[in-house]
C-alpha cells in the first residue's frame, strides 16, 4: 500500500487532519494502536474552543456536534 501521508494517532487532531487532507485530495492513512471500539467509545475532547467549532462546521463535521 502506498499513501502520501501517514498520521500517527486517531485522536481528534489526527482524525481532523486526515479529513482536511482528504478534502484537498491528499491520500492519508491513520495509524492507531488501540482498537476501533476503544477509540469510538473514549471521550477525548471535553471542551472545544470556538476556532475548533468553526473548523468542524466549515468542513462538514459539525452536524452531530450541534445536536
PDB file of N, CA and C in Angstrom:
ATOM      1  N   UNK A   1       0.842  -1.180   0.000  1.00  0.00           N
ATOM      2  CA  UNK A   1       0.000   0.000   0.000  1.00  0.00           C
ATOM      3  C   UNK A   1       0.885   1.240   0.000  1.00  0.00           C
ATOM      4  N   UNK A   2       0.535   2.191  -0.833  1.00  0.00           N
ATOM      5  CA  UNK A   2       1.256   3.464  -0.884  1.00  0.00           C
ATOM      6  C   UNK A   2       0.287   4.586  -0.522  1.00  0.00           C
ATOM      7  N   UNK A   3       0.793   5.543   0.213  1.00  0.00           N
ATOM      8  CA  UNK A   3      -0.006   6.698   0.581  1.00  0.00           C
ATOM      9  C   UNK A   3       0.893   7.923   0.619  1.00  0.00           C
ATOM     10  N   UNK A   4       0.310   9.096   0.505  1.00  0.00           N
ATOM     11  CA  UNK A   4       1.089  10.322   0.531  1.00  0.00           C
ATOM     12  C   UNK A   4       1.472  10.733   1.946  1.00  0.00           C
ATOM     13  N   UNK A   5       0.581  10.462   2.907  1.00  0.00           N
ATOM     14  CA  UNK A   5       0.797  10.913   4.285  1.00  0.00           C
ATOM     15  C   UNK A   5       0.369   9.808   5.241  1.00  0.00           C
ATOM     16  N   UNK A   6       1.137   9.631   6.303  1.00  0.00           N
ATOM     17  CA  UNK A   6       0.754   8.746   7.396  1.00  0.00           C
ATOM     18  C   UNK A   6       0.589   9.591   8.646  1.00  0.00           C
ATOM     19  N   UNK A   7      -0.549   9.438   9.309  1.00  0.00           N
ATOM     20  CA  UNK A   7      -0.852  10.166  10.535  1.00  0.00           C
ATOM     21  C   UNK A   7      -0.803   9.161  11.679  1.00  0.00           C
ATOM     22  N   UNK A   8      -0.075   9.479  12.715  1.00  0.00           N
ATOM     23  CA  UNK A   8       0.033   8.606  13.879  1.00  0.00           C
ATOM     24  C   UNK A   8      -0.941   9.095  14.941  1.00  0.00           C
ATOM     25  N   UNK A   9      -1.956   8.288  15.235  1.00  0.00           N
ATOM     26  CA  UNK A   9      -2.917   8.609  16.279  1.00  0.00           C
ATOM     27  C   UNK A   9      -4.280   8.992  15.732  1.00  0.00           C
ATOM     28  N   UNK A  10      -5.313   8.302  16.209  1.00  0.00           N
ATOM     29  CA  UNK A  10      -6.680   8.544  15.758  1.00  0.00           C
ATOM     30  C   UNK A  10      -7.467   9.374  16.768  1.00  0.00           C
ATOM     31  N   UNK A  11      -6.766  10.277  17.433  1.00  0.00           N
ATOM     32  CA  UNK A  11      -7.450  11.209  18.325  1.00  0.00           C
ATOM     33  C   UNK A  11      -8.103  12.316  17.511  1.00  0.00           C
ATOM     34  N   UNK A  12      -8.705  13.284  18.174  1.00  0.00           N
ATOM     35  CA  UNK A  12      -9.381  14.364  17.450  1.00  0.00           C
ATOM     36  C   UNK A  12      -8.487  15.078  16.442  1.00  0.00           C
ATOM     37  N   UNK A  13      -7.246  15.357  16.808  1.00  0.00           N
ATOM     38  CA  UNK A  13      -6.352  16.077  15.890  1.00  0.00           C
ATOM     39  C   UNK A  13      -5.988  15.221  14.680  1.00  0.00           C
ATOM     40  N   UNK A  14      -5.675  13.951  14.911  1.00  0.00           N
ATOM     41  CA  UNK A  14      -5.315  13.070  13.805  1.00  0.00           C
ATOM     42  C   UNK A  14      -6.464  12.854  12.835  1.00  0.00           C
ATOM     43  N   UNK A  15      -7.671  12.664  13.388  1.00  0.00           N
ATOM     44  CA  UNK A  15      -8.835  12.472  12.528  1.00  0.00           C
ATOM     45  C   UNK A  15      -9.178  13.735  11.748  1.00  0.00           C
ATOM     46  N   UNK A  16      -9.063  14.896  12.394  1.00  0.00           N
ATOM     47  CA  UNK A  16      -9.329  16.153  11.694  1.00  0.00           C
ATOM     48  C   UNK A  16      -8.312  16.372  10.586  1.00  0.00           C
ATOM     49  N   UNK A  17      -7.034  16.118  10.876  1.00  0.00           N
ATOM     50  CA  UNK A  17      -6.007  16.267   9.850  1.00  0.00           C
ATOM     51  C   UNK A  17      -6.289  15.335   8.675  1.00  0.00           C
ATOM     52  N   UNK A  18      -6.659  14.108   8.954  1.00  0.00           N
ATOM     53  CA  UNK A  18      -6.996  13.176   7.887  1.00  0.00           C
ATOM     54  C   UNK A  18      -8.147  13.672   7.035  1.00  0.00           C
ATOM     55  N   UNK A  19      -9.149  14.240   7.673  1.00  0.00           N
ATOM     56  CA  UNK A  19     -10.303  14.775   6.936  1.00  0.00           C
ATOM     57  C   UNK A  19      -9.912  15.988   6.089  1.00  0.00           C
ATOM     58  N   UNK A  20      -9.130  16.900   6.669  1.00  0.00           N
ATOM     59  CA  UNK A  20      -8.701  18.088   5.919  1.00  0.00           C
ATOM     60  C   UNK A  20      -7.851  17.696   4.709  1.00  0.00           C
ATOM     61  N   UNK A  21      -6.975  16.719   4.872  1.00  0.00           N
ATOM     62  CA  UNK A  21      -6.175  16.250   3.744  1.00  0.00           C
ATOM     63  C   UNK A  21      -7.076  15.626   2.676  1.00  0.00           C
ATOM     64  N   UNK A  22      -8.043  14.849   3.098  1.00  0.00           N
ATOM     65  CA  UNK A  22      -8.990  14.228   2.160  1.00  0.00           C
ATOM     66  C   UNK A  22      -9.716  15.289   1.334  1.00  0.00           C
ATOM     67  N   UNK A  23     -10.142  16.358   1.985  1.00  0.00           N
ATOM     68  CA  UNK A  23     -10.843  17.427   1.265  1.00  0.00           C
ATOM     69  C   UNK A  23      -9.963  18.070   0.199  1.00  0.00           C
ATOM     70  N   UNK A  24      -8.636  18.001   0.393  1.00  0.00           N
ATOM     71  CA  UNK A  24      -7.690  18.570  -0.568  1.00  0.00           C
ATOM     72  C   UNK A  24      -7.199  17.536  -1.583  1.00  0.00           C
ATOM     73  N   UNK A  25      -7.758  16.326  -1.510  1.00  0.00           N
ATOM     74  CA  UNK A  25      -7.372  15.277  -2.449  1.00  0.00           C
ATOM     75  C   UNK A  25      -6.045  14.607  -2.124  1.00  0.00           C
ATOM     76  N   UNK A  26      -5.623  14.702  -0.875  1.00  0.00           N
ATOM     77  CA  UNK A  26      -4.362  14.097  -0.448  1.00  0.00           C
ATOM     78  C   UNK A  26      -4.667  12.799   0.291  1.00  0.00           C
ATOM     79  N   UNK A  27      -4.075  11.712  -0.198  1.00  0.00           N
ATOM     80  CA  UNK A  27      -4.295  10.415   0.427  1.00  0.00           C
ATOM     81  C   UNK A  27      -3.554  10.334   1.752  1.00  0.00           C
ATOM     82  N   UNK A  28      -4.230   9.815   2.763  1.00  0.00           N
ATOM     83  CA  UNK A  28      -3.610   9.663   4.079  1.00  0.00           C
ATOM     84  C   UNK A  28      -4.126   8.389   4.727  1.00  0.00           C
ATOM     85  N   UNK A  29      -3.294   7.815   5.569  1.00  0.00           N
ATOM     86  CA  UNK A  29      -3.699   6.679   6.383  1.00  0.00           C
ATOM     87  C   UNK A  29      -3.445   7.070   7.832  1.00  0.00           C
ATOM     88  N   UNK A  30      -4.351   6.672   8.714  1.00  0.00           N
ATOM     89  CA  UNK A  30      -4.226   6.989  10.136  1.00  0.00           C
ATOM     90  C   UNK A  30      -3.907   5.694  10.869  1.00  0.00           C
ATOM     91  N   UNK A  31      -2.803   5.689  11.596  1.00  0.00           N
ATOM     92  CA  UNK A  31      -2.397   4.519  12.364  1.00  0.00           C
ATOM     93  C   UNK A  31      -2.698   4.737  13.840  1.00  0.00           C
ATOM     94  N   UNK A  32      -3.261   3.717  14.472  1.00  0.00           N
ATOM     95  CA  UNK A  32      -3.620   3.792  15.887  1.00  0.00           C
ATOM     96  C   UNK A  32      -3.375   2.426  16.504  1.00  0.00           C
ATOM     97  N   UNK A  33      -2.807   2.397  17.706  1.00  0.00           N
ATOM     98  CA  UNK A  33      -2.528   1.128  18.371  1.00  0.00           C
ATOM     99  C   UNK A  33      -3.748   0.561  19.087  1.00  0.00           C
ATOM    100  N   UNK A  34      -4.688   1.410  19.413  1.00  0.00           N
ATOM    101  CA  UNK A  34      -5.900   0.948  20.119  1.00  0.00           C
ATOM    102  C   UNK A  34      -6.934   0.443  19.125  1.00  0.00           C
ATOM    103  N   UNK A  35      -7.914  -0.314  19.618  1.00  0.00           N
ATOM    104  CA  UNK A  35      -8.961  -0.856  18.752  1.00  0.00           C
ATOM    105  C   UNK A  35      -9.932   0.249  18.341  1.00  0.00           C
ATOM    106  N   UNK A  36     -10.645   0.011  17.248  1.00  0.00           N
ATOM    107  CA  UNK A  36     -11.651   0.971  16.787  1.00  0.00           C
ATOM    108  C   UNK A  36     -12.704   1.199  17.870  1.00  0.00           C
ATOM    109  N   UNK A  37     -13.137   0.121  18.538  1.00  0.00           N
ATOM    110  CA  UNK A  37     -14.144   0.235  19.596  1.00  0.00           C
ATOM    111  C   UNK A  37     -13.642   1.146  20.715  1.00  0.00           C
ATOM    112  N   UNK A  38     -12.388   0.983  21.104  1.00  0.00           N
ATOM    113  CA  UNK A  38     -11.807   1.822  22.150  1.00  0.00           C
ATOM    114  C   UNK A  38     -11.825   3.293  21.738  1.00  0.00           C
ATOM    115  N   UNK A  39     -11.416   3.568  20.519  1.00  0.00           N
ATOM    116  CA  UNK A  39     -11.359   4.940  20.016  1.00  0.00           C
ATOM    117  C   UNK A  39     -12.753   5.562  19.991  1.00  0.00           C
ATOM    118  N   UNK A  40     -13.733   4.812  19.493  1.00  0.00           N
ATOM    119  CA  UNK A  40     -15.088   5.362  19.358  1.00  0.00           C
ATOM    120  C   UNK A  40     -15.789   5.556  20.691  1.00  0.00           C
ATOM    121  N   UNK A  41     -15.420   4.789  21.709  1.00  0.00           N
ATOM    122  CA  UNK A  41     -16.101   4.868  22.999  1.00  0.00           C
ATOM    123  C   UNK A  41     -15.429   5.829  23.986  1.00  0.00           C
ATOM    124  N   UNK A  42     -14.187   6.189  23.737  1.00  0.00           N
ATOM    125  CA  UNK A  42     -13.434   7.028  24.669  1.00  0.00           C
ATOM    126  C   UNK A  42     -13.700   8.504  24.408  1.00  0.00           C
ATOM    127  N   UNK A  43     -13.996   9.224  25.473  1.00  0.00           N
ATOM    128  CA  UNK A  43     -14.176  10.669  25.373  1.00  0.00           C
ATOM    129  C   UNK A  43     -12.791  11.298  25.442  1.00  0.00           C
ATOM    130  N   UNK A  44     -12.415  12.058  24.396  1.00  0.00           N
ATOM    131  CA  UNK A  44     -11.083  12.650  24.363  1.00  0.00           C
ATOM    132  C   UNK A  44     -11.108  14.170  24.435  1.00  0.00           C
ATOM    133  N   UNK A  45     -12.161  14.778  23.961  1.00  0.00           N
ATOM    134  CA  UNK A  45     -12.203  16.237  23.951  1.00  0.00           C
ATOM    135  C   UNK A  45     -13.426  16.687  24.746  1.00  0.00           C
ATOM    136  N   UNK A  46     -13.194  17.252  25.907  1.00  0.00           N
ATOM    137  CA  UNK A  46     -14.300  17.677  26.753  1.00  0.00           C
ATOM    138  C   UNK A  46     -14.773  19.086  26.447  1.00  0.00           C
ATOM    139  N   UNK A  47     -13.878  19.961  26.021  1.00  0.00           N
ATOM    140  CA  UNK A  47     -14.204  21.344  25.720  1.00  0.00           C
ATOM    141  C   UNK A  47     -13.597  21.688  24.362  1.00  0.00           C
ATOM    142  N   UNK A  48     -14.391  22.302  23.510  1.00  0.00           N
ATOM    143  CA  UNK A  48     -13.903  22.720  22.202  1.00  0.00           C
ATOM    144  C   UNK A  48     -13.856  24.242  22.155  1.00  0.00           C
ATOM    145  N   UNK A  49     -12.742  24.769  21.710  1.00  0.00           N
ATOM    146  CA  UNK A  49     -12.625  26.215  21.542  1.00  0.00           C
ATOM    147  C   UNK A  49     -13.390  26.640  20.299  1.00  0.00           C
ATOM    148  N   UNK A  50     -13.745  27.915  20.215  1.00  0.00           N
ATOM    149  CA  UNK A  50     -14.567  28.422  19.121  1.00  0.00           C
ATOM    150  C   UNK A  50     -13.931  28.168  17.754  1.00  0.00           C
ATOM    151  N   UNK A  51     -12.622  28.311  17.644  1.00  0.00           N
ATOM    152  CA  UNK A  51     -11.950  28.058  16.369  1.00  0.00           C
ATOM    153  C   UNK A  51     -12.126  26.617  15.908  1.00  0.00           C
ATOM    154  N   UNK A  52     -12.110  25.687  16.858  1.00  0.00           N
ATOM    155  CA  UNK A  52     -12.320  24.275  16.532  1.00  0.00           C
ATOM    156  C   UNK A  52     -13.750  24.037  16.094  1.00  0.00           C
ATOM    157  N   UNK A  53     -14.695  24.632  16.797  1.00  0.00           N
ATOM    158  CA  UNK A  53     -16.111  24.513  16.424  1.00  0.00           C
ATOM    159  C   UNK A  53     -16.331  25.068  15.020  1.00  0.00           C
ATOM    160  N   UNK A  54     -15.749  26.212  14.734  1.00  0.00           N
ATOM    161  CA  UNK A  54     -15.872  26.811  13.402  1.00  0.00           C
ATOM    162  C   UNK A  54     -15.296  25.899  12.328  1.00  0.00           C
ATOM    163  N   UNK A  55     -14.126  25.320  12.597  1.00  0.00           N
ATOM    164  CA  UNK A  55     -13.494  24.419  11.632  1.00  0.00           C
ATOM    165  C   UNK A  55     -14.344  23.175  11.389  1.00  0.00           C
ATOM    166  N   UNK A  56     -14.903  22.613  12.446  1.00  0.00           N
ATOM    167  CA  UNK A  56     -15.781  21.445  12.291  1.00  0.00           C
ATOM    168  C   UNK A  56     -16.979  21.795  11.409  1.00  0.00           C
ATOM    169  N   UNK A  57     -17.576  22.945  11.646  1.00  0.00           N
ATOM    170  CA  UNK A  57     -18.720  23.363  10.834  1.00  0.00           C
ATOM    171  C   UNK A  57     -18.317  23.628   9.383  1.00  0.00           C
ATOM    172  N   UNK A  58     -17.186  24.288   9.169  1.00  0.00           N
ATOM    173  CA  UNK A  58     -16.732  24.629   7.812  1.00  0.00           C
ATOM    174  C   UNK A  58     -16.392  23.395   6.984  1.00  0.00           C
ATOM    175  N   UNK A  59     -15.953  22.327   7.640  1.00  0.00           N
ATOM    176  CA  UNK A  59     -15.544  21.126   6.916  1.00  0.00           C
ATOM    177  C   UNK A  59     -16.637  20.062   6.861  1.00  0.00           C
ATOM    178  N   UNK A  60     -17.833  20.418   7.306  1.00  0.00           N
ATOM    179  CA  UNK A  60     -18.954  19.487   7.216  1.00  0.00           C
ATOM    180  C   UNK A  60     -19.039  18.465   8.329  1.00  0.00           C
ATOM    181  N   UNK A  61     -18.321  18.688   9.412  1.00  0.00           N
ATOM    182  CA  UNK A  61     -18.317  17.719  10.511  1.00  0.00           C
ATOM    183  C   UNK A  61     -19.063  18.202  11.753  1.00  0.00           C
ATOM    184  N   UNK A  62     -19.749  19.316  11.666  1.00  0.00           N
ATOM    185  CA  UNK A  62     -20.357  19.906  12.860  1.00  0.00           C
ATOM    186  C   UNK A  62     -21.788  19.507  13.152  1.00  0.00           C
ATOM    187  N   UNK A  63     -22.437  18.767  12.272  1.00  0.00           N
ATOM    188  CA  UNK A  63     -23.848  18.451  12.453  1.00  0.00           C
ATOM    189  C   UNK A  63     -24.109  17.679  13.742  1.00  0.00           C
ATOM    190  N   UNK A  64     -23.352  16.640  13.969  1.00  0.00           N
ATOM    191  CA  UNK A  64     -23.555  15.830  15.181  1.00  0.00           C
ATOM    192  C   UNK A  64     -23.256  16.649  16.432  1.00  0.00           C
ATOM    193  N   UNK A  65     -22.222  17.473  16.362  1.00  0.00           N
ATOM    194  CA  UNK A  65     -21.845  18.316  17.495  1.00  0.00           C
ATOM    195  C   UNK A  65     -22.993  19.274  17.829  1.00  0.00           C
ATOM    196  N   UNK A  66     -23.646  19.817  16.838  1.00  0.00           N
ATOM    197  CA  UNK A  66     -24.727  20.785  17.057  1.00  0.00           C
ATOM    198  C   UNK A  66     -25.940  20.151  17.735  1.00  0.00           C
ATOM    199  N   UNK A  67     -26.131  18.860  17.503  1.00  0.00           N
ATOM    200  CA  UNK A  67     -27.272  18.175  18.125  1.00  0.00           C
ATOM    201  C   UNK A  67     -27.069  18.061  19.608  1.00  0.00           C
TER     202      UNK A  67
END
